[in-house]
Amino acid sequence: MIQTPTWLLNGRLSLAKLTVLIFVVSAVIYAISPQGRPSFSDMTKGAEIPRVALTLVQEGSFAHPFYALPTGPTAHTSPAYVFLYAAVAKLFGIGWTGARVLWALNICFLALQLALLPILSDRLGIGVLPGLLAAILGVVVQPYRVLVEWESIFTGALLVVLCVLTLDYFKKAGDWKQSLLLGLLWGVAVLANPESVLLLFVWAHIAAMENPPQMLRRARRSMVVVVAGAALACLPWFIRNYEVFHAVFFVRDNFGLELYTSNNPCARPTMLENLTSGCHGQTHPNANADLAAQLVEMGEVRFNHEMLRRALSWISSNPRGFAWLTARRFVRFWFPYLGSYRYSIPMGILTIFSLAGLARMFQENRRAAFLFISTLAVYPLVHYLIQFEARYRYPIFWATLLPAAYAILKLTGWSGREGATPVNARKEDRDMAPAV
C-alpha cells in the first residue's frame, strides 16, 4: 500500500472532506474549461437519445430514434439516461434552462467519478494517495468531453459508485434488504449501459476473494439476491419490450445494426471517418430514408436481425478486412483522439503508465490488480467490433487513471517516504468516510 502523508489525513482533512473538496474543484474546473463547455443551447439537438427522450415527453412513447423518418417504438437506446433526459425536459423545458440543468447534472456526474477515487483506492488497500493523484490527473489532463446528449458520463458515475459499494459490501455481506438495494442500483447501471452486467459478476467475485470460507458462503448467497435485485429493476423494461416487439433480447436490440454499420465494404475504424466518407449514411437509418423505410416495413427486431446477417456475411467473406478493422479499433480505443492532442497525448501516456501500475499492483495487491485488469479487459470487448467514438472510453477512464497514478507514485518513491502513515491506521478517518 502507498502510504499517506500525515498532513493529508490527520484530522485537518478527513477522507470525507477530501471527497467534497475534489468534487467541488473538479466541477468548477470542468464547468469553465473547453472540455466542459455546453455544446447545445437547447435540448432538441443531438442524436438518438434526445429524439427518443423528447418523443417520450411530447407523445408519451419510447419511439422514433432516427432523424430520417419516424420509425415507431424502439429499443435502440438504453432507457435509463433517456428517462433522465426526459425528466429534465419535462420539469425545466426543452430550451436554454433545461439544457443547462442537464449540463450541470453531467458536470456533477463527472465530478463524482473523480471525487470517489480516493475512497476507492483506500478500500482497495492501496492507500488514499493514488486516488487523490488520479483525481488530480483527471482534472489536469481532462480526457472527458461533457456531452449531455450521450449517457457515457452518467454510466461512468454509476460504475464508480457501484465499484465502491460492491467492494465494501461483499467483504462483509449484509442482510437481504441491503443486497436487494445494491441489486436495484446495479439494475439502473445495466439499463444505462448493458455492458455493466459483466462487471457485476466480476467485481462481486473479486470483492469476496479474500473472505474466509464462512464469509465467502454468505457473500455468494448475497450475490444471488443482488442479481435478483438487478433483474427486478430491469423487469419492467423487459416486459415492455416483449409486449411491443414480441421478442426477447437484453436491454437493446440494435447490435445487428451497429455491427453492420461498422463492418461492411466501406467501413472505417471510427464513426467520424464513416460520417465523413458517407459510409454511415449508406448503412444506418439515422440519415438514410430508404433504410428507415425498410425498418418500418420489417419492424425493428427483424430489421436488426437482417443487419446482423449482412454483417456476419461480410465478416465471413472478408476475415482479413475484419481483423484489420478490429485491430485498428482496438488501438483507437486505448489511444483515442480526444478532440485535441493537448488531451490525447497526455492520456495516451497515462495509458502506458497504467500498464506499469497494473504490473506493480499485481505483485503487491492482487485484489486491486484483478479489479482493474478485469474492468479494462471485460468492459471494452464489444467496442472492438463496432465503430469507435471517444465517448465509449469515458465510463472506464477512472480505471486507467488510478493504476497510472499508482505507477507514478511508485516511481517517485512515495511508498516509502518518511513521515507517511497508512490511512488504514486512522480509524477515525475511515469512520468519517461517506457510505456513498
Protein backbone atom coordinates (compact mmCIF):
# COMPACT_ATOMS: atom_id res chain seq x y z
CA MET A 1 0.00 0.00 0.00
CA ILE A 2 1.17 3.52 -0.78
CA GLN A 3 1.33 5.39 2.49
CA THR A 4 -0.46 8.67 3.03
CA PRO A 5 1.39 11.78 4.25
CA THR A 6 0.46 12.70 7.83
CA TRP A 7 -0.63 16.19 6.76
CA LEU A 8 -3.24 14.78 4.38
CA LEU A 9 -5.49 12.83 6.76
CA ASN A 10 -4.52 13.91 10.24
CA GLY A 11 -7.81 15.37 11.40
CA ARG A 12 -7.48 18.63 9.48
CA LEU A 13 -8.56 16.99 6.23
CA SER A 14 -10.61 13.83 6.62
CA LEU A 15 -11.43 11.48 3.77
CA ALA A 16 -14.99 12.82 3.72
CA LYS A 17 -13.76 16.42 3.44
CA LEU A 18 -11.25 15.43 0.78
CA THR A 19 -14.06 13.85 -1.26
CA VAL A 20 -16.16 17.01 -1.07
CA LEU A 21 -13.15 19.18 -1.95
CA ILE A 22 -12.32 17.12 -5.05
CA PHE A 23 -15.97 17.17 -6.13
CA VAL A 24 -16.21 20.95 -5.90
CA VAL A 25 -12.84 21.67 -7.54
CA SER A 26 -13.45 19.16 -10.35
CA ALA A 27 -16.93 20.53 -11.05
CA VAL A 28 -15.75 24.15 -11.14
CA ILE A 29 -12.72 23.47 -13.35
CA TYR A 30 -14.63 21.34 -15.86
CA ALA A 31 -17.50 23.84 -15.90
CA ILE A 32 -15.21 26.65 -17.08
CA SER A 33 -12.92 24.58 -19.30
CA PRO A 34 -13.29 23.99 -23.06
CA GLN A 35 -13.96 20.29 -22.38
CA GLY A 36 -16.90 21.15 -20.16
CA ARG A 37 -18.37 23.94 -22.24
CA PRO A 38 -22.07 23.32 -23.10
CA SER A 39 -22.37 22.02 -26.65
CA PHE A 40 -26.06 22.87 -27.14
CA SER A 41 -28.27 25.83 -26.29
CA ASP A 42 -31.42 23.69 -26.07
CA MET A 43 -32.41 20.04 -25.65
CA THR A 44 -33.57 19.38 -29.20
CA LYS A 45 -30.05 18.87 -30.59
CA GLY A 46 -28.25 15.54 -30.70
CA ALA A 47 -28.80 12.02 -31.93
CA GLU A 48 -30.97 9.11 -30.84
CA ILE A 49 -31.19 9.73 -27.08
CA PRO A 50 -32.56 13.31 -27.32
CA ARG A 51 -35.03 12.31 -30.04
CA VAL A 52 -36.42 9.39 -28.04
CA ALA A 53 -36.49 11.45 -24.83
CA LEU A 54 -38.42 14.30 -26.46
CA THR A 55 -40.82 11.84 -28.07
CA LEU A 56 -41.38 10.41 -24.60
CA VAL A 57 -42.18 13.88 -23.26
CA GLN A 58 -44.35 15.01 -26.16
CA GLU A 59 -46.13 11.78 -27.10
CA GLY A 60 -45.66 9.53 -24.08
CA SER A 61 -43.98 6.92 -26.27
CA PHE A 62 -40.46 5.47 -26.25
CA ALA A 63 -40.07 5.81 -30.02
CA HIS A 64 -38.66 7.50 -33.14
CA PRO A 65 -34.86 7.43 -32.58
CA PHE A 66 -33.84 8.28 -36.15
CA TYR A 67 -33.64 11.58 -37.96
CA ALA A 68 -34.65 10.32 -41.42
CA LEU A 69 -38.16 9.07 -40.58
CA PRO A 70 -40.40 8.39 -37.58
CA THR A 71 -39.82 4.65 -37.21
CA GLY A 72 -42.10 3.85 -34.29
CA PRO A 73 -41.46 2.14 -30.92
CA THR A 74 -37.81 1.41 -30.25
CA ALA A 75 -35.31 -0.37 -28.05
CA HIS A 76 -32.41 1.11 -29.99
CA THR A 77 -31.25 3.09 -26.95
CA SER A 78 -30.83 2.03 -23.34
CA PRO A 79 -33.64 3.54 -21.26
CA ALA A 80 -32.05 4.89 -18.06
CA TYR A 81 -30.44 8.04 -19.42
CA VAL A 82 -33.35 8.61 -21.82
CA PHE A 83 -35.71 8.75 -18.83
CA LEU A 84 -33.37 11.17 -17.03
CA TYR A 85 -33.16 13.35 -20.14
CA ALA A 86 -36.95 13.27 -20.48
CA ALA A 87 -37.45 14.12 -16.80
CA VAL A 88 -35.25 17.21 -17.12
CA ALA A 89 -37.10 18.26 -20.29
CA LYS A 90 -40.46 17.77 -18.59
CA LEU A 91 -39.51 19.73 -15.46
CA PHE A 92 -37.44 22.53 -16.97
CA GLY A 93 -38.50 22.69 -20.61
CA ILE A 94 -36.55 21.85 -23.75
CA GLY A 95 -34.97 25.30 -24.12
CA TRP A 96 -31.99 27.01 -22.52
CA THR A 97 -32.96 26.24 -18.90
CA GLY A 98 -33.44 22.53 -19.46
CA ALA A 99 -30.19 22.28 -21.42
CA ARG A 100 -28.26 23.99 -18.60
CA VAL A 101 -29.79 21.76 -15.93
CA LEU A 102 -28.83 18.64 -17.90
CA TRP A 103 -25.33 20.07 -18.44
CA ALA A 104 -24.98 20.79 -14.70
CA LEU A 105 -26.05 17.24 -13.88
CA ASN A 106 -23.39 15.83 -16.20
CA ILE A 107 -20.76 18.09 -14.65
CA CYS A 108 -21.78 16.66 -11.27
CA PHE A 109 -21.65 13.07 -12.60
CA LEU A 110 -18.12 13.69 -13.83
CA ALA A 111 -17.01 15.37 -10.60
CA LEU A 112 -18.49 12.46 -8.62
CA GLN A 113 -16.34 9.96 -10.53
CA LEU A 114 -13.17 11.85 -9.67
CA ALA A 115 -14.19 12.63 -6.08
CA LEU A 116 -14.73 8.94 -5.25
CA LEU A 117 -11.31 7.80 -6.46
CA PRO A 118 -9.53 8.34 -3.09
CA ILE A 119 -12.27 6.32 -1.35
CA LEU A 120 -11.98 3.58 -3.98
CA SER A 121 -8.20 3.36 -3.72
CA ASP A 122 -8.43 3.30 0.08
CA ARG A 123 -10.96 0.47 0.07
CA LEU A 124 -8.79 -1.47 -2.34
CA GLY A 125 -5.99 -1.30 0.22
CA ILE A 126 -3.56 0.79 -1.83
CA GLY A 127 -3.95 3.99 0.16
CA VAL A 128 -5.67 7.31 -0.42
CA LEU A 129 -2.82 8.97 -2.31
CA PRO A 130 -3.21 7.07 -5.63
CA GLY A 131 -6.88 8.04 -5.73
CA LEU A 132 -6.06 11.66 -4.95
CA LEU A 133 -3.42 11.80 -7.68
CA ALA A 134 -5.79 10.05 -10.12
CA ALA A 135 -8.42 12.72 -9.46
CA ILE A 136 -5.83 15.46 -9.99
CA LEU A 137 -4.75 13.85 -13.26
CA GLY A 138 -8.40 13.69 -14.36
CA VAL A 139 -8.74 17.43 -13.74
CA VAL A 140 -5.40 18.41 -15.30
CA VAL A 141 -5.43 16.11 -18.34
CA GLN A 142 -9.21 16.46 -18.89
CA PRO A 143 -9.81 13.45 -21.14
CA TYR A 144 -13.59 13.83 -20.79
CA ARG A 145 -15.77 15.99 -23.02
CA VAL A 146 -19.09 16.81 -21.37
CA LEU A 147 -21.54 15.51 -23.97
CA VAL A 148 -25.01 15.80 -22.48
CA GLU A 149 -26.65 14.01 -25.41
CA TRP A 150 -24.96 10.72 -24.51
CA GLU A 151 -25.04 8.53 -21.40
CA SER A 152 -21.26 7.97 -21.09
CA ILE A 153 -20.54 10.23 -18.11
CA PHE A 154 -23.71 9.11 -16.34
CA THR A 155 -22.64 5.47 -16.79
CA GLY A 156 -19.13 6.24 -15.51
CA ALA A 157 -20.53 7.80 -12.34
CA LEU A 158 -22.75 4.78 -11.72
CA LEU A 159 -19.82 2.39 -12.22
CA VAL A 160 -17.53 4.18 -9.76
CA VAL A 161 -20.30 4.36 -7.14
CA LEU A 162 -21.07 0.67 -7.66
CA CYS A 163 -17.41 -0.29 -7.53
CA VAL A 164 -17.03 1.38 -4.12
CA LEU A 165 -20.27 -0.11 -2.80
CA THR A 166 -19.65 -3.60 -4.19
CA LEU A 167 -16.11 -3.79 -2.84
CA ASP A 168 -17.23 -2.76 0.61
CA TYR A 169 -20.39 -4.87 0.65
CA PHE A 170 -19.03 -8.24 -0.40
CA LYS A 171 -16.22 -8.09 2.15
CA LYS A 172 -18.93 -8.20 4.84
CA ALA A 173 -22.14 -9.07 3.06
CA GLY A 174 -25.23 -7.86 4.90
CA ASP A 175 -28.87 -8.92 5.00
CA TRP A 176 -31.14 -9.48 2.03
CA LYS A 177 -32.58 -5.96 2.12
CA GLN A 178 -29.14 -4.39 1.64
CA SER A 179 -28.36 -6.91 -1.10
CA LEU A 180 -31.64 -6.09 -2.83
CA LEU A 181 -30.96 -2.33 -2.73
CA LEU A 182 -27.48 -2.86 -4.17
CA GLY A 183 -29.01 -5.06 -6.87
CA LEU A 184 -31.56 -2.40 -7.78
CA LEU A 185 -28.75 0.13 -8.28
CA TRP A 186 -26.91 -2.39 -10.45
CA GLY A 187 -30.12 -2.71 -12.44
CA VAL A 188 -30.08 1.04 -13.12
CA ALA A 189 -26.49 0.71 -14.37
CA VAL A 190 -27.48 -2.15 -16.67
CA LEU A 191 -30.36 -0.04 -18.02
CA ALA A 192 -27.88 2.78 -18.61
CA ASN A 193 -25.39 0.54 -20.40
CA PRO A 194 -25.89 -3.24 -20.78
CA GLU A 195 -22.12 -3.88 -20.69
CA SER A 196 -22.27 -3.09 -16.97
CA VAL A 197 -23.74 -6.52 -16.25
CA LEU A 198 -20.35 -8.13 -16.92
CA LEU A 199 -18.75 -6.06 -14.17
CA LEU A 200 -21.42 -7.06 -11.65
CA PHE A 201 -20.28 -10.67 -11.68
CA VAL A 202 -16.57 -9.89 -11.91
CA TRP A 203 -16.44 -7.26 -9.17
CA ALA A 204 -18.55 -9.23 -6.71
CA HIS A 205 -16.21 -12.20 -7.06
CA ILE A 206 -13.10 -10.04 -6.66
CA ALA A 207 -14.56 -8.26 -3.63
CA ALA A 208 -15.15 -11.59 -1.86
CA MET A 209 -11.99 -13.39 -2.99
CA GLU A 210 -10.12 -12.84 0.30
CA ASN A 211 -13.06 -13.78 2.56
CA PRO A 212 -12.74 -16.77 4.90
CA PRO A 213 -14.89 -19.78 3.89
CA GLN A 214 -17.87 -18.88 6.09
CA MET A 215 -17.96 -15.29 4.85
CA LEU A 216 -17.46 -16.49 1.29
CA ARG A 217 -20.61 -18.63 1.51
CA ARG A 218 -22.52 -15.66 2.89
CA ALA A 219 -21.21 -13.45 0.07
CA ARG A 220 -22.35 -15.99 -2.51
CA ARG A 221 -25.86 -16.02 -1.05
CA SER A 222 -25.87 -12.23 -1.11
CA MET A 223 -24.74 -12.33 -4.72
CA VAL A 224 -27.89 -14.25 -5.65
CA VAL A 225 -30.05 -11.54 -4.04
CA VAL A 226 -28.05 -8.76 -5.73
CA VAL A 227 -28.55 -10.39 -9.14
CA ALA A 228 -32.24 -10.82 -8.35
CA GLY A 229 -32.45 -7.12 -7.46
CA ALA A 230 -30.79 -6.16 -10.74
CA ALA A 231 -33.19 -8.40 -12.64
CA LEU A 232 -36.12 -6.88 -10.76
CA ALA A 233 -35.02 -3.37 -11.76
CA CYS A 234 -34.78 -4.45 -15.41
CA LEU A 235 -38.01 -6.49 -15.44
CA PRO A 236 -40.44 -3.68 -16.41
CA TRP A 237 -38.26 -2.81 -19.40
CA PHE A 238 -38.03 -6.45 -20.49
CA ILE A 239 -41.82 -6.82 -20.20
CA ARG A 240 -42.35 -3.66 -22.23
CA ASN A 241 -40.02 -4.90 -24.96
CA TYR A 242 -41.73 -8.27 -25.17
CA GLU A 243 -45.17 -6.68 -25.33
CA VAL A 244 -44.07 -4.23 -28.04
CA PHE A 245 -41.76 -6.42 -30.16
CA HIS A 246 -42.84 -9.98 -29.20
CA ALA A 247 -39.17 -10.87 -28.88
CA VAL A 248 -36.63 -11.43 -26.13
CA PHE A 249 -33.33 -9.53 -26.10
CA PHE A 250 -31.07 -7.97 -23.49
CA VAL A 251 -31.97 -4.28 -22.95
CA ARG A 252 -31.22 -3.09 -26.51
CA ASP A 253 -31.97 -4.63 -29.92
CA ASN A 254 -29.50 -2.62 -32.02
CA PHE A 255 -26.41 -4.84 -32.05
CA GLY A 256 -27.05 -6.18 -35.56
CA LEU A 257 -27.37 -2.67 -36.99
CA GLU A 258 -24.26 -1.40 -35.22
CA LEU A 259 -22.25 -4.44 -36.30
CA TYR A 260 -23.25 -3.96 -39.94
CA THR A 261 -22.61 -0.21 -39.88
CA SER A 262 -19.12 -0.97 -38.59
CA ASN A 263 -18.27 -3.99 -40.77
CA ASN A 264 -19.08 -3.60 -44.45
CA PRO A 265 -17.25 -2.80 -47.70
CA CYS A 266 -16.92 0.93 -46.95
CA ALA A 267 -16.39 0.74 -43.17
CA ARG A 268 -13.54 2.51 -41.38
CA PRO A 269 -12.49 2.22 -37.72
CA THR A 270 -14.19 5.32 -36.28
CA MET A 271 -17.62 6.87 -36.52
CA LEU A 272 -16.11 10.20 -37.53
CA GLU A 273 -14.36 8.59 -40.51
CA ASN A 274 -17.56 6.80 -41.53
CA LEU A 275 -19.58 10.00 -41.27
CA THR A 276 -17.00 11.93 -43.30
CA SER A 277 -16.73 9.27 -46.02
CA GLY A 278 -20.51 8.88 -46.31
CA CYS A 279 -20.38 5.21 -45.29
CA HIS A 280 -22.51 5.83 -42.21
CA GLY A 281 -25.20 7.43 -44.36
CA GLN A 282 -25.26 4.37 -46.62
CA THR A 283 -25.58 1.84 -43.80
CA HIS A 284 -27.54 3.48 -40.96
CA PRO A 285 -31.22 4.54 -40.92
CA ASN A 286 -30.49 7.70 -38.97
CA ALA A 287 -29.56 9.51 -42.19
CA ASN A 288 -30.86 7.06 -44.79
CA ALA A 289 -34.58 7.31 -45.50
CA ASP A 290 -34.58 4.10 -47.58
CA LEU A 291 -33.16 2.08 -44.70
CA ALA A 292 -35.51 3.78 -42.26
CA ALA A 293 -38.42 2.80 -44.51
CA GLN A 294 -37.17 -0.81 -44.53
CA LEU A 295 -37.08 -0.69 -40.74
CA VAL A 296 -40.68 0.48 -40.60
CA GLU A 297 -41.76 -2.24 -43.03
CA MET A 298 -39.89 -5.08 -41.33
CA GLY A 299 -40.12 -3.94 -37.71
CA GLU A 300 -37.13 -3.03 -35.61
CA VAL A 301 -36.23 -6.52 -34.35
CA ARG A 302 -36.43 -8.20 -37.78
CA PHE A 303 -34.53 -5.29 -39.32
CA ASN A 304 -31.71 -5.71 -36.81
CA HIS A 305 -31.63 -9.46 -37.44
CA GLU A 306 -31.24 -8.75 -41.15
CA MET A 307 -28.43 -6.27 -40.47
CA LEU A 308 -26.72 -8.87 -38.27
CA ARG A 309 -26.98 -11.41 -41.11
CA ARG A 310 -25.39 -8.93 -43.55
CA ALA A 311 -22.61 -8.10 -41.11
CA LEU A 312 -21.77 -11.74 -40.42
CA SER A 313 -21.85 -12.48 -44.14
CA TRP A 314 -19.35 -9.71 -44.85
CA ILE A 315 -17.13 -10.78 -41.92
CA SER A 316 -17.06 -14.42 -43.05
CA SER A 317 -16.24 -13.34 -46.62
CA ASN A 318 -13.60 -10.81 -45.52
CA PRO A 319 -11.80 -12.22 -42.46
CA ARG A 320 -8.63 -10.21 -43.09
CA GLY A 321 -10.56 -6.98 -43.57
CA PHE A 322 -12.49 -7.63 -40.37
CA ALA A 323 -9.31 -8.46 -38.44
CA TRP A 324 -7.65 -5.26 -39.69
CA LEU A 325 -10.66 -3.13 -38.76
CA THR A 326 -10.81 -4.77 -35.32
CA ALA A 327 -7.11 -4.18 -34.71
CA ARG A 328 -7.41 -0.52 -35.63
CA ARG A 329 -10.48 -0.11 -33.42
CA PHE A 330 -8.53 -1.72 -30.57
CA VAL A 331 -5.74 0.84 -30.97
CA ARG A 332 -8.21 3.73 -31.23
CA PHE A 333 -9.96 2.60 -28.06
CA TRP A 334 -6.80 2.65 -25.98
CA PHE A 335 -5.24 5.67 -27.67
CA PRO A 336 -8.24 7.77 -28.73
CA TYR A 337 -8.19 11.18 -30.31
CA LEU A 338 -9.97 13.34 -27.73
CA GLY A 339 -10.60 16.41 -29.87
CA SER A 340 -7.11 17.84 -29.43
CA TYR A 341 -3.59 16.48 -28.95
CA ARG A 342 -3.48 18.55 -25.77
CA TYR A 343 -5.80 15.89 -24.27
CA SER A 344 -4.93 12.85 -26.39
CA ILE A 345 -1.16 12.73 -25.84
CA PRO A 346 -1.23 13.01 -22.01
CA MET A 347 -3.99 10.40 -21.82
CA GLY A 348 -2.01 8.09 -24.09
CA ILE A 349 1.00 8.47 -21.80
CA LEU A 350 -1.17 7.72 -18.76
CA THR A 351 -2.50 4.61 -20.51
CA ILE A 352 1.07 3.36 -20.86
CA PHE A 353 1.81 4.26 -17.23
CA SER A 354 -1.29 2.32 -16.18
CA LEU A 355 0.23 -0.88 -17.58
CA ALA A 356 3.27 -0.39 -15.36
CA GLY A 357 0.96 0.36 -12.44
CA LEU A 358 -1.03 -2.82 -13.02
CA ALA A 359 2.16 -4.89 -13.17
CA ARG A 360 3.42 -3.44 -9.88
CA MET A 361 -0.02 -3.71 -8.30
CA PHE A 362 -0.22 -7.38 -9.27
CA GLN A 363 2.90 -8.02 -7.20
CA GLU A 364 1.72 -6.08 -4.16
CA ASN A 365 -2.10 -6.21 -4.11
CA ARG A 366 -3.66 -8.93 -6.24
CA ARG A 367 -7.22 -7.92 -5.36
CA ALA A 368 -6.76 -4.36 -6.60
CA ALA A 369 -4.90 -5.56 -9.68
CA PHE A 370 -7.61 -8.07 -10.57
CA LEU A 371 -10.30 -5.40 -10.25
CA PHE A 372 -8.62 -3.00 -12.67
CA ILE A 373 -7.44 -5.70 -15.08
CA SER A 374 -10.90 -7.26 -15.25
CA THR A 375 -12.55 -3.86 -15.80
CA LEU A 376 -10.17 -2.93 -18.59
CA ALA A 377 -10.38 -6.39 -20.15
CA VAL A 378 -14.12 -7.06 -19.99
CA TYR A 379 -15.90 -3.74 -20.46
CA PRO A 380 -14.44 -2.76 -23.88
CA LEU A 381 -14.98 -6.10 -25.65
CA VAL A 382 -17.95 -5.05 -27.77
CA HIS A 383 -16.23 -1.80 -28.78
CA TYR A 384 -13.57 -3.67 -30.71
CA LEU A 385 -16.35 -4.92 -33.01
CA ILE A 386 -18.11 -1.62 -33.73
CA GLN A 387 -17.04 1.80 -34.99
CA PHE A 388 -15.27 3.77 -32.29
CA GLU A 389 -16.04 7.08 -30.65
CA ALA A 390 -14.01 8.56 -27.79
CA ARG A 391 -17.06 8.65 -25.53
CA TYR A 392 -17.05 4.83 -25.39
CA ARG A 393 -13.93 5.04 -23.21
CA TYR A 394 -15.40 7.59 -20.76
CA PRO A 395 -17.09 5.08 -18.40
CA ILE A 396 -13.75 3.42 -17.57
CA PHE A 397 -11.22 6.27 -17.80
CA TRP A 398 -11.02 6.11 -14.00
CA ALA A 399 -9.73 2.52 -14.27
CA THR A 400 -6.77 3.89 -16.26
CA LEU A 401 -6.15 6.97 -14.11
CA LEU A 402 -5.83 5.06 -10.83
CA PRO A 403 -3.24 2.46 -11.94
CA ALA A 404 -1.33 5.24 -13.73
CA ALA A 405 -1.28 7.29 -10.53
CA TYR A 406 -0.12 4.21 -8.63
CA ALA A 407 2.78 3.76 -11.05
CA ILE A 408 3.78 7.44 -10.82
CA LEU A 409 3.81 7.33 -7.01
CA LYS A 410 5.88 4.16 -7.01
CA LEU A 411 8.36 5.63 -9.47
CA THR A 412 8.70 8.81 -7.39
CA GLY A 413 9.22 6.88 -4.17
CA TRP A 414 6.12 7.95 -2.25
CA SER A 415 5.54 4.43 -0.91
CA GLY A 416 8.44 4.65 1.45
CA ARG A 417 8.59 8.37 2.18
CA GLU A 418 9.43 9.29 5.75
CA GLY A 419 6.62 10.86 7.74
CA ALA A 420 3.90 8.98 5.93
CA THR A 421 1.29 6.88 7.62
CA PRO A 422 -1.20 4.36 6.25
CA VAL A 423 -4.70 5.71 6.10
CA ASN A 424 -5.93 2.38 7.48
CA ALA A 425 -4.17 3.26 10.69
CA ARG A 426 -6.52 6.25 11.06
CA LYS A 427 -9.73 4.51 12.11
CA GLU A 428 -11.48 7.78 12.84
CA ASP A 429 -10.93 8.89 9.24
CA ARG A 430 -12.44 5.68 7.93
CA ASP A 431 -15.42 6.16 10.20
CA MET A 432 -15.92 9.64 8.78
CA ALA A 433 -15.83 8.44 5.15
CA PRO A 434 -19.24 8.63 3.47
CA ALA A 435 -21.02 5.39 2.75
CA VAL A 436 -21.51 6.82 -0.77
